[in-house]
Amino acid sequence: MLRVLSANLLYGRADAGALVELVRALDVAVVAVQELGPRQAEVLSAWLPHGKLEPSPDGMGLGIALRHPGEVERLPLPKRDAHVARLTPADWPGLARSVEIVNAHLANPVIGVPAGWRHRRGQVAGLAAYLASAEPCPRALVGDLNSTPRWPAYRRLVTELDDAAVLAAARSGRAPAPTWGPYPGAPRLLRIDHVLVDAFDVLDFRVFRLPGSDHSAVVADLAV
């Protein structure tokens, strides 16, 4: 079983200690973060020493932190690249097959109009092209996709992938939980943070408040 956490850290303002405590308490093996700042990268890499974290002073960094070694590469996209982590059984005990985790942060459709729309369309097209052409393997696209299930970006991506939250919710008989609110302490109103999977079995999917962020962290338990 592979436990994956994704979280938007609100321009580096999310509580770094709370993030690592959540990772530690849940025994998370893969952490994908968006809007990563230097302090969060420092604390996170001390707990999960592998992968690639690329913080930015303006809090717009991106990264994947790993418990065990894995190859992490950039996937070129307009304005803001994605990261692709490849995990192999040789380095990951209990992993039956090589798998891939893609961390993406899509442009916000209501900021920077109209340039933001062009970037977003290009990002979605780039992700869709990668998913269509990449070598088949268990794969998860995670991150802040700035898209509810009603938005075209989500609908395009789920033509290639399944929504882990929806699969888990169907088993429990409950609707998937929202992940974003207008400020850190606000009620969560929209579901824009996702784990979309191909060839993974979804064992569980949970949402956790993250102090200091307007996004909740999402945690998926995946198996091959």
C-alpha atoms as a PDB file:
ATOM      1  CA  MET A   1       0.000   0.000   0.000  1.00  0.00           C
ATOM      2  CA  LEU A   2       1.235   3.464  -0.925  1.00  0.00           C
ATOM      3  CA  ARG A   3      -0.044   6.399   1.149  1.00  0.00           C
ATOM      4  CA  VAL A   4       0.074   9.700  -0.739  1.00  0.00           C
ATOM      5  CA  LEU A   5      -0.649  13.175   0.637  1.00  0.00           C
ATOM      6  CA  SER A   6      -1.187  16.310  -1.440  1.00  0.00           C
ATOM      7  CA  ALA A   7      -1.511  19.829  -0.050  1.00  0.00           C
ATOM      8  CA  ASN A   8      -1.524  23.425  -1.230  1.00  0.00           C
ATOM      9  CA  LEU A   9       0.442  25.421   1.371  1.00  0.00           C
ATOM     10  CA  LEU A  10      -0.998  28.909   0.670  1.00  0.00           C
ATOM     11  CA  TYR A  11       2.070  30.757  -0.590  1.00  0.00           C
ATOM     12  CA  GLY A  12       4.257  29.137   2.065  1.00  0.00           C
ATOM     13  CA  ARG A  13       1.994  30.222   4.949  1.00  0.00           C
ATOM     14  CA  ALA A  14       0.748  26.806   6.077  1.00  0.00           C
ATOM     15  CA  ASP A  15       2.099  25.634   9.430  1.00  0.00           C
ATOM     16  CA  ALA A  16       5.222  23.624   8.569  1.00  0.00           C
ATOM     17  CA  GLY A  17       5.217  21.817  11.898  1.00  0.00           C
ATOM     18  CA  ALA A  18       1.562  20.825  11.541  1.00  0.00           C
ATOM     19  CA  LEU A  19       2.230  19.537   8.028  1.00  0.00           C
ATOM     20  CA  VAL A  20       5.061  17.295   9.160  1.00  0.00           C
ATOM     21  CA  GLU A  21       3.099  16.143  12.207  1.00  0.00           C
ATOM     22  CA  LEU A  22       0.260  15.079   9.896  1.00  0.00           C
ATOM     23  CA  VAL A  23       2.716  13.258   7.643  1.00  0.00           C
ATOM     24  CA  ARG A  24       4.277  11.550  10.661  1.00  0.00           C
ATOM     25  CA  ALA A  25       0.988  10.638  12.332  1.00  0.00           C
ATOM     26  CA  LEU A  26      -0.439   9.113   9.146  1.00  0.00           C
ATOM     27  CA  ASP A  27       2.854   7.449   8.153  1.00  0.00           C
ATOM     28  CA  VAL A  28       2.711   9.035   4.691  1.00  0.00           C
ATOM     29  CA  ALA A  29       5.302   7.833   2.172  1.00  0.00           C
ATOM     30  CA  VAL A  30       4.782  10.365  -0.660  1.00  0.00           C
ATOM     31  CA  VAL A  31       4.025  14.069  -0.143  1.00  0.00           C
ATOM     32  CA  ALA A  32       3.177  16.328  -3.089  1.00  0.00           C
ATOM     33  CA  VAL A  33       3.029  20.024  -2.239  1.00  0.00           C
ATOM     34  CA  GLN A  34       2.037  23.159  -4.103  1.00  0.00           C
ATOM     35  CA  GLU A  35       2.780  26.794  -3.141  1.00  0.00           C
ATOM     36  CA  LEU A  36       5.834  25.569  -1.257  1.00  0.00           C
ATOM     37  CA  GLY A  37       7.976  27.985   0.762  1.00  0.00           C
ATOM     38  CA  PRO A  38      11.551  27.540   2.059  1.00  0.00           C
ATOM     39  CA  ARG A  39      10.624  26.820   5.686  1.00  0.00           C
ATOM     40  CA  GLN A  40       8.168  24.092   4.736  1.00  0.00           C
ATOM     41  CA  ALA A  41      10.711  22.503   2.399  1.00  0.00           C
ATOM     42  CA  GLU A  42      13.343  22.515   5.140  1.00  0.00           C
ATOM     43  CA  VAL A  43      11.096  20.805   7.685  1.00  0.00           C
ATOM     44  CA  LEU A  44       9.569  18.358   5.221  1.00  0.00           C
ATOM     45  CA  SER A  45      12.903  17.210   3.771  1.00  0.00           C
ATOM     46  CA  ALA A  46      14.184  16.447   7.274  1.00  0.00           C
ATOM     47  CA  TRP A  47      11.384  13.880   7.627  1.00  0.00           C
ATOM     48  CA  LEU A  48      11.202  12.587   4.038  1.00  0.00           C
ATOM     49  CA  PRO A  49      14.749  12.956   2.690  1.00  0.00           C
ATOM     50  CA  HIS A  50      14.247  11.814  -0.916  1.00  0.00           C
ATOM     51  CA  GLY A  51      12.494  13.294  -3.926  1.00  0.00           C
ATOM     52  CA  LYS A  52      12.741  16.889  -5.119  1.00  0.00           C
ATOM     53  CA  LEU A  53      11.468  19.990  -3.335  1.00  0.00           C
ATOM     54  CA  GLU A  54      11.736  23.292  -5.184  1.00  0.00           C
ATOM     55  CA  PRO A  55      10.594  26.036  -2.801  1.00  0.00           C
ATOM     56  CA  SER A  56      10.294  29.643  -3.868  1.00  0.00           C
ATOM     57  CA  PRO A  57      10.668  32.782  -1.744  1.00  0.00           C
ATOM     58  CA  ASP A  58       7.296  33.964  -3.056  1.00  0.00           C
ATOM     59  CA  GLY A  59       5.696  30.728  -1.883  1.00  0.00           C
ATOM     60  CA  MET A  60       4.944  29.405  -5.352  1.00  0.00           C
ATOM     61  CA  GLY A  61       7.274  26.408  -5.224  1.00  0.00           C
ATOM     62  CA  LEU A  62       6.398  22.818  -6.012  1.00  0.00           C
ATOM     63  CA  GLY A  63       7.796  19.511  -4.887  1.00  0.00           C
ATOM     64  CA  ILE A  64       7.519  15.822  -4.110  1.00  0.00           C
ATOM     65  CA  ALA A  65       9.052  14.430  -0.902  1.00  0.00           C
ATOM     66  CA  LEU A  66       9.640  10.677  -0.683  1.00  0.00           C
ATOM     67  CA  ARG A  67      10.414   8.204   2.059  1.00  0.00           C
ATOM     68  CA  HIS A  68      12.641   6.124  -0.257  1.00  0.00           C
ATOM     69  CA  PRO A  69      14.674   7.066  -3.345  1.00  0.00           C
ATOM     70  CA  GLY A  70      12.813   7.871  -6.530  1.00  0.00           C
ATOM     71  CA  GLU A  71      13.520   9.605  -9.807  1.00  0.00           C
ATOM     72  CA  VAL A  72      11.797  12.995  -9.998  1.00  0.00           C
ATOM     73  CA  GLU A  73      11.702  15.011 -13.210  1.00  0.00           C
ATOM     74  CA  ARG A  74       9.970  18.150 -14.398  1.00  0.00           C
ATOM     75  CA  LEU A  75       7.142  17.830 -16.879  1.00  0.00           C
ATOM     76  CA  PRO A  76       7.291  21.054 -18.935  1.00  0.00           C
ATOM     77  CA  LEU A  77       3.985  22.943 -18.944  1.00  0.00           C
ATOM     78  CA  PRO A  78       3.085  26.561 -19.706  1.00  0.00           C
ATOM     79  CA  LYS A  79       3.911  28.995 -16.890  1.00  0.00           C
ATOM     80  CA  ARG A  80       4.391  26.292 -14.222  1.00  0.00           C
ATOM     81  CA  ASP A  81       5.828  22.804 -14.714  1.00  0.00           C
ATOM     82  CA  ALA A  82       4.560  19.641 -13.082  1.00  0.00           C
ATOM     83  CA  HIS A  83       6.772  17.103 -11.296  1.00  0.00           C
ATOM     84  CA  VAL A  84       6.811  13.390 -12.105  1.00  0.00           C
ATOM     85  CA  ALA A  85       8.136  10.883  -9.541  1.00  0.00           C
ATOM     86  CA  ARG A  86       8.881   7.293 -10.561  1.00  0.00           C
ATOM     87  CA  LEU A  87       9.041   4.722  -7.786  1.00  0.00           C
ATOM     88  CA  THR A  88      10.441   1.237  -8.343  1.00  0.00           C
ATOM     89  CA  PRO A  89      10.212  -2.008  -6.341  1.00  0.00           C
ATOM     90  CA  ALA A  90      14.010  -2.030  -6.034  1.00  0.00           C
ATOM     91  CA  ASP A  91      13.857   1.046  -3.791  1.00  0.00           C
ATOM     92  CA  TRP A  92      10.352   0.731  -2.343  1.00  0.00           C
ATOM     93  CA  PRO A  93       9.781  -2.370  -0.166  1.00  0.00           C
ATOM     94  CA  GLY A  94       6.367  -3.912  -0.739  1.00  0.00           C
ATOM     95  CA  LEU A  95       5.796  -2.175  -4.062  1.00  0.00           C
ATOM     96  CA  ALA A  96       4.888  -4.864  -6.587  1.00  0.00           C
ATOM     97  CA  ARG A  97       5.337  -2.697  -9.700  1.00  0.00           C
ATOM     98  CA  SER A  98       6.920   0.562 -10.717  1.00  0.00           C
ATOM     99  CA  VAL A  99       4.476   3.438 -10.288  1.00  0.00           C
ATOM    100  CA  GLU A 100       4.326   7.124 -11.091  1.00  0.00           C
ATOM    101  CA  ILE A 101       3.106  10.157  -9.140  1.00  0.00           C
ATOM    102  CA  VAL A 102       2.483  13.409 -11.044  1.00  0.00           C
ATOM    103  CA  ASN A 103       2.226  16.597  -8.969  1.00  0.00           C
ATOM    104  CA  ALA A 104       0.513  19.495 -10.747  1.00  0.00           C
ATOM    105  CA  HIS A 105      -0.765  22.953  -9.823  1.00  0.00           C
ATOM    106  CA  LEU A 106      -3.037  24.328 -12.515  1.00  0.00           C
ATOM    107  CA  ALA A 107      -3.395  28.054 -13.069  1.00  0.00           C
ATOM    108  CA  ASN A 108      -6.318  29.631 -11.247  1.00  0.00           C
ATOM    109  CA  PRO A 109      -9.023  30.409 -13.842  1.00  0.00           C
ATOM    110  CA  VAL A 110     -10.085  33.633 -12.086  1.00  0.00           C
ATOM    111  CA  ILE A 111      -6.617  35.182 -11.652  1.00  0.00           C
ATOM    112  CA  GLY A 112      -4.635  36.829 -14.422  1.00  0.00           C
ATOM    113  CA  VAL A 113      -7.396  36.763 -17.015  1.00  0.00           C
ATOM    114  CA  PRO A 114      -6.977  36.287 -19.963  1.00  0.00           C
ATOM    115  CA  ALA A 115      -3.345  35.111 -19.754  1.00  0.00           C
ATOM    116  CA  GLY A 116      -4.249  32.716 -16.955  1.00  0.00           C
ATOM    117  CA  TRP A 117      -6.823  31.042 -19.171  1.00  0.00           C
ATOM    118  CA  ARG A 118      -4.210  30.440 -21.866  1.00  0.00           C
ATOM    119  CA  HIS A 119      -1.756  29.016 -19.336  1.00  0.00           C
ATOM    120  CA  ARG A 120      -4.443  26.790 -17.862  1.00  0.00           C
ATOM    121  CA  ARG A 121      -5.559  25.460 -21.226  1.00  0.00           C
ATOM    122  CA  GLY A 122      -1.954  24.743 -22.129  1.00  0.00           C
ATOM    123  CA  GLN A 123      -1.327  23.015 -18.802  1.00  0.00           C
ATOM    124  CA  VAL A 124      -4.369  20.769 -19.165  1.00  0.00           C
ATOM    125  CA  ALA A 125      -3.456  19.972 -22.764  1.00  0.00           C
ATOM    126  CA  GLY A 126       0.115  19.158 -21.712  1.00  0.00           C
ATOM    127  CA  LEU A 127      -1.047  16.851 -18.927  1.00  0.00           C
ATOM    128  CA  ALA A 128      -3.552  15.123 -21.198  1.00  0.00           C
ATOM    129  CA  ALA A 129      -0.900  14.620 -23.872  1.00  0.00           C
ATOM    130  CA  TYR A 130       1.501  13.172 -21.321  1.00  0.00           C
ATOM    131  CA  LEU A 131      -1.122  10.793 -19.939  1.00  0.00           C
ATOM    132  CA  ALA A 132      -2.000   9.612 -23.430  1.00  0.00           C
ATOM    133  CA  SER A 133       1.602   9.004 -24.505  1.00  0.00           C
ATOM    134  CA  ALA A 134       3.383   7.867 -21.332  1.00  0.00           C
ATOM    135  CA  GLU A 135       4.319   4.244 -20.834  1.00  0.00           C
ATOM    136  CA  PRO A 136       1.439   2.422 -19.113  1.00  0.00           C
ATOM    137  CA  CYS A 137       1.899   1.933 -15.374  1.00  0.00           C
ATOM    138  CA  PRO A 138      -0.050   2.609 -12.191  1.00  0.00           C
ATOM    139  CA  ARG A 139      -0.166   6.395 -12.142  1.00  0.00           C
ATOM    140  CA  ALA A 140      -1.669   9.104  -9.930  1.00  0.00           C
ATOM    141  CA  LEU A 141      -2.105  12.755 -10.868  1.00  0.00           C
ATOM    142  CA  VAL A 142      -2.316  14.734  -7.633  1.00  0.00           C
ATOM    143  CA  GLY A 143      -2.444  18.369  -6.661  1.00  0.00           C
ATOM    144  CA  ASP A 144      -4.377  21.605  -6.651  1.00  0.00           C
ATOM    145  CA  LEU A 145      -6.089  21.439 -10.022  1.00  0.00           C
ATOM    146  CA  ASN A 146      -8.149  24.581  -9.329  1.00  0.00           C
ATOM    147  CA  SER A 147     -11.095  22.742 -10.798  1.00  0.00           C
ATOM    148  CA  THR A 148     -14.293  21.348  -9.350  1.00  0.00           C
ATOM    149  CA  PRO A 149     -15.824  18.305 -11.062  1.00  0.00           C
ATOM    150  CA  ARG A 150     -18.030  20.680 -13.093  1.00  0.00           C
ATOM    151  CA  TRP A 151     -15.100  22.458 -14.733  1.00  0.00           C
ATOM    152  CA  PRO A 152     -13.786  21.478 -18.186  1.00  0.00           C
ATOM    153  CA  ALA A 153     -10.238  20.858 -16.885  1.00  0.00           C
ATOM    154  CA  TYR A 154     -11.438  18.164 -14.489  1.00  0.00           C
ATOM    155  CA  ARG A 155     -13.763  16.623 -17.061  1.00  0.00           C
ATOM    156  CA  ARG A 156     -10.965  16.361 -19.594  1.00  0.00           C
ATOM    157  CA  LEU A 157      -8.530  14.744 -17.161  1.00  0.00           C
ATOM    158  CA  VAL A 158     -11.022  12.164 -15.933  1.00  0.00           C
ATOM    159  CA  THR A 159     -11.389  10.861 -19.470  1.00  0.00           C
ATOM    160  CA  GLU A 160      -7.967   9.286 -18.817  1.00  0.00           C
ATOM    161  CA  LEU A 161      -8.089   8.845 -15.028  1.00  0.00           C
ATOM    162  CA  ASP A 162     -10.449   7.909 -12.194  1.00  0.00           C
ATOM    163  CA  ASP A 163     -11.191  10.179  -9.248  1.00  0.00           C
ATOM    164  CA  ALA A 164      -9.940   8.482  -6.069  1.00  0.00           C
ATOM    165  CA  ALA A 165     -12.279  10.536  -3.882  1.00  0.00           C
ATOM    166  CA  VAL A 166     -15.316   9.472  -5.897  1.00  0.00           C
ATOM    167  CA  LEU A 167     -14.311   5.801  -5.824  1.00  0.00           C
ATOM    168  CA  ALA A 168     -13.800   5.870  -2.052  1.00  0.00           C
ATOM    169  CA  ALA A 169     -17.012   7.817  -1.449  1.00  0.00           C
ATOM    170  CA  ALA A 170     -19.055   5.336  -3.480  1.00  0.00           C
ATOM    171  CA  ARG A 171     -18.038   2.568  -1.104  1.00  0.00           C
ATOM    172  CA  SER A 172     -18.891   4.596   2.004  1.00  0.00           C
ATOM    173  CA  GLY A 173     -22.161   6.007   0.659  1.00  0.00           C
ATOM    174  CA  ARG A 174     -21.038   9.577   1.335  1.00  0.00           C
ATOM    175  CA  ALA A 175     -20.242  12.449  -1.018  1.00  0.00           C
ATOM    176  CA  PRO A 176     -16.587  13.454  -1.479  1.00  0.00           C
ATOM    177  CA  ALA A 177     -15.567  16.192   0.946  1.00  0.00           C
ATOM    178  CA  PRO A 178     -14.735  19.735  -0.230  1.00  0.00           C
ATOM    179  CA  THR A 179     -11.103  20.812   0.097  1.00  0.00           C
ATOM    180  CA  TRP A 180     -10.979  24.617  -0.259  1.00  0.00           C
ATOM    181  CA  GLY A 181     -12.407  27.650   1.530  1.00  0.00           C
ATOM    182  CA  PRO A 182     -11.868  31.404   1.042  1.00  0.00           C
ATOM    183  CA  TYR A 183      -9.425  31.692   3.977  1.00  0.00           C
ATOM    184  CA  PRO A 184      -7.613  29.268   6.319  1.00  0.00           C
ATOM    185  CA  GLY A 185     -10.287  29.009   8.999  1.00  0.00           C
ATOM    186  CA  ALA A 186     -13.264  29.093   6.673  1.00  0.00           C
ATOM    187  CA  PRO A 187     -15.623  26.202   5.964  1.00  0.00           C
ATOM    188  CA  ARG A 188     -14.520  24.190   2.952  1.00  0.00           C
ATOM    189  CA  LEU A 189     -16.790  24.998   0.016  1.00  0.00           C
ATOM    190  CA  LEU A 190     -15.263  23.542  -3.165  1.00  0.00           C
ATOM    191  CA  ARG A 191     -13.477  20.324  -4.107  1.00  0.00           C
ATOM    192  CA  ILE A 192     -10.489  21.453  -6.173  1.00  0.00           C
ATOM    193  CA  ASP A 193      -7.655  19.299  -4.758  1.00  0.00           C
ATOM    194  CA  HIS A 194      -7.590  15.879  -6.361  1.00  0.00           C
ATOM    195  CA  VAL A 195      -5.999  12.460  -6.637  1.00  0.00           C
ATOM    196  CA  LEU A 196      -6.798  11.026 -10.075  1.00  0.00           C
ATOM    197  CA  VAL A 197      -5.592   7.493 -10.719  1.00  0.00           C
ATOM    198  CA  ASP A 198      -4.983   4.925 -13.433  1.00  0.00           C
ATOM    199  CA  ALA A 199      -4.369   1.227 -12.658  1.00  0.00           C
ATOM    200  CA  PHE A 200      -4.312   1.841  -8.892  1.00  0.00           C
ATOM    201  CA  ASP A 201      -6.768   0.315  -6.463  1.00  0.00           C
ATOM    202  CA  VAL A 202      -8.081   3.035  -4.136  1.00  0.00           C
ATOM    203  CA  LEU A 203      -8.226   1.646  -0.606  1.00  0.00           C
ATOM    204  CA  ASP A 204      -9.141   4.891   1.156  1.00  0.00           C
ATOM    205  CA  PHE A 205      -9.360   8.653   0.670  1.00  0.00           C
ATOM    206  CA  ARG A 206      -9.434  11.243   3.461  1.00  0.00           C
ATOM    207  CA  VAL A 207      -9.370  15.019   3.861  1.00  0.00           C
ATOM    208  CA  PHE A 208      -7.568  16.796   6.735  1.00  0.00           C
ATOM    209  CA  ARG A 209      -7.511  20.448   7.780  1.00  0.00           C
ATOM    210  CA  LEU A 210      -4.040  21.992   7.542  1.00  0.00           C
ATOM    211  CA  PRO A 211      -3.480  24.984   9.863  1.00  0.00           C
ATOM    212  CA  GLY A 212      -2.509  28.134   7.993  1.00  0.00           C
ATOM    213  CA  SER A 213      -3.793  27.024   4.592  1.00  0.00           C
ATOM    214  CA  ASP A 214      -7.056  27.691   2.788  1.00  0.00           C
ATOM    215  CA  HIS A 215      -6.771  24.155   1.350  1.00  0.00           C
ATOM    216  CA  SER A 216      -7.200  20.908   3.208  1.00  0.00           C
ATOM    217  CA  ALA A 217      -4.693  18.129   2.672  1.00  0.00           C
ATOM    218  CA  VAL A 218      -5.944  15.076   0.788  1.00  0.00           C
ATOM    219  CA  VAL A 219      -4.622  11.601   1.587  1.00  0.00           C
ATOM    220  CA  ALA A 220      -5.097   8.541  -0.617  1.00  0.00           C
ATOM    221  CA  ASP A 221      -4.195   4.942   0.123  1.00  0.00           C
ATOM    222  CA  LEU A 222      -3.315   3.256  -3.170  1.00  0.00           C
ATOM    223  CA  ALA A 223      -2.415  -0.305  -4.080  1.00  0.00           C
ATOM    224  CA  VAL A 224      -1.309  -2.153  -7.224  1.00  0.00           C
END
